[in-house]
Each structure stands twice: as C-alpha cells, then as structure tokens.
Amino acid sequence: MKESMRNSRGDDMQHQNPKEIFGRRLEQARRMRGMSLRGLSEATGDKVSYNAIHRYECGDMMPGDEVLLALADALDKPLDFFFRPFAVELTGVQFRKKSAMGAKTTGAIEGMATDFFERYLEIEQTLGLSLEFNDPLTGISLRKPEDAEKAAEAVRSKWNLGEDPLPNVMEALEGNGIKVFEVEVPEDLDGFSGWADGHPVVVLVSWLNRDLPRKRFTALHEAAHLLIHPHSKLQGKELESCCHRFAGAMLIPRKAFVAELGGFRHRIIAADRLEQMMAKKATRLPLAECRQRIRRWQSQ
C-alpha cells in the first residue's frame, strides 16, 4: 500500500509544471527564512515587488535572470534549489508546543524539515540504504492511557531492545525506520512528528541539547504519536497522557524502573534517591515524569 502510494506520488512529481515547482520552492525558501512577501521584496533591494513575488509563488509567471539572482541571493539559496522537483510531502504534522506559535514560525520549521527529509531520503535511495518502516503495534489496540505500558513492551520486543533502560534513543528510532531531524528555532517548541513520503519522522529543537533527559523523552513522546495514532481513538489530554506513559516505559521498562527504586512500592521515595536515579546516563527521565510514574505505581 505504502509502496503504491509512493509510486503514484513519484509519477505525479515527474510531471510537475516548472512554474509550479519554482513557485512552491520560492514560497518554501521564503518561509524557511521567516519572511513575508513584503519582507522578501525589501531584501532584494526592491528589485521585485511583493505582488510579483506572490504571482511567482502562485505559478502565474516566471522571473527573469536578474530577478531570479536577486531572489536567490536574498533567500541564501543556490539557483538549482528553485527548480528541484518536489520528492517529499510532509503530512500529518502534530506540533508539541510550549506556547502558541505564529504561522510564520511553523511555516519556517515545516519548510526546513521538508528540505532536510527530501535530501535525507534522496541520499538513502542513491546509496541503496532505504530502511522500510514496519508498524510494531500491528494487532494492538489502545483504549485507555494505561495501555501505554503494554504498547511499549510490544515495541521493545519487536525492536529487540531488551528489558534494560534504553541507552540511545535516537539510534533506536533511526534503526527502526523513524527518521529524526534537529532544527534550531526559538524556545517556543519542543518538537513535532509527521510523515514524509510514507516515512515516520520526528523533529526536535536544538535547545533541548541543554536538557538531555527532556530531549530523550520528547523524541519518544513524538514517536508515540506516530505509533499510537493508528491504533487508538484517544484524543486530547488522554492521548497526551498515553504518549507520556509510552515514552517513560520505552526509556525504562516497568521491571527496571521498580528495581531502580528498590522494589518497595509504599515507602516514601527520598529526593536523593530520585537524584541518584536521574544521574545515571541510561535511566535518565525528566524528574516530573519520574515522580508521576512513581505515584501511579504506588497507587496500584
């Protein structure tokens, strides 16, 4: 099914109109720079009006050589970028926001992600290294957030991750067909997930490198949206709770988590014990998630 969809999309790509390609690439490059039509016009030294840029983006007309060079210079893109047929469509995007973001910011991020995954998939195809994604939750249904633990166990089993804490999150995702991109944007975003040409993708922001436990958790939370969505009707807060639980269980399976706490369910967990647990590279969880997991475990 996915293969036929890609072949169909590939046929469509081969017949793209040059004006349409240029228009879409121009809009993509402009959004990647976070520019408005008027802002781009000004960046060219007013060599082209914003109305003309709008018509270029709509595929109504093509620029002359002088204008093309001015646009490429203002957008810091090589000329061939504007004539490269689209090979990837980013779909099903779900942003994990800390605060409301404007259309300009989301457009810039999506444009950068699309450009990255296009080149990523092209290199894979050229080198014959394409890795097919196989749904590890086939036959499993998640009806409530508590089902996240069994889902994580199923994924760990299919991906041969064992029962120890997960040492390398990115390696686990990439090695099983989920592609990851890191982008530098303001701290209004943790990450998002989506699909690029039938491939599941996760986008993380570079500021998370200052908080590695959060980065690892966010990567798995975004992967959870991709993995769980086809198998659940959960929405809103219940879906977020399910994805949180899934991420935690992927990082540290239940047995390993209980072992780290000494196995005593009803005792008070001292703050220094939590700090010791969080200090271990292989068991790093955001402290807030660790406390929530302890409360869920103790209430059972």
Foldseek 3Di string as FASTA:
>chain_A
DLVVVLVVVVVVLVPDDQLQLLLCLLLLLCLLVLHDLQRLCVLLVVPDHSVVNNCSNVSNDDDDPVVLVSSCVSSVHDSVSSRDGQSKDWDPKDFDWPDDDDPSQVSSVVSVVSVVVVVVVVVCVVVVNQADADQQQPPHADEFLVCLQVVLVSLCVVLVVDQAFRQDQQCSCVVRQEAEEEAADPRGGAWIWTDMSNTTYIYGYPVCVVPVQSNQLRRQLRVCCVNRVVRYPDDDPRNSSSSNVNSLCNRHPPVRLCVLQVVDLQDDRDPVSLVVQCPDSSRHHPSVSNVVVSVVSSVD
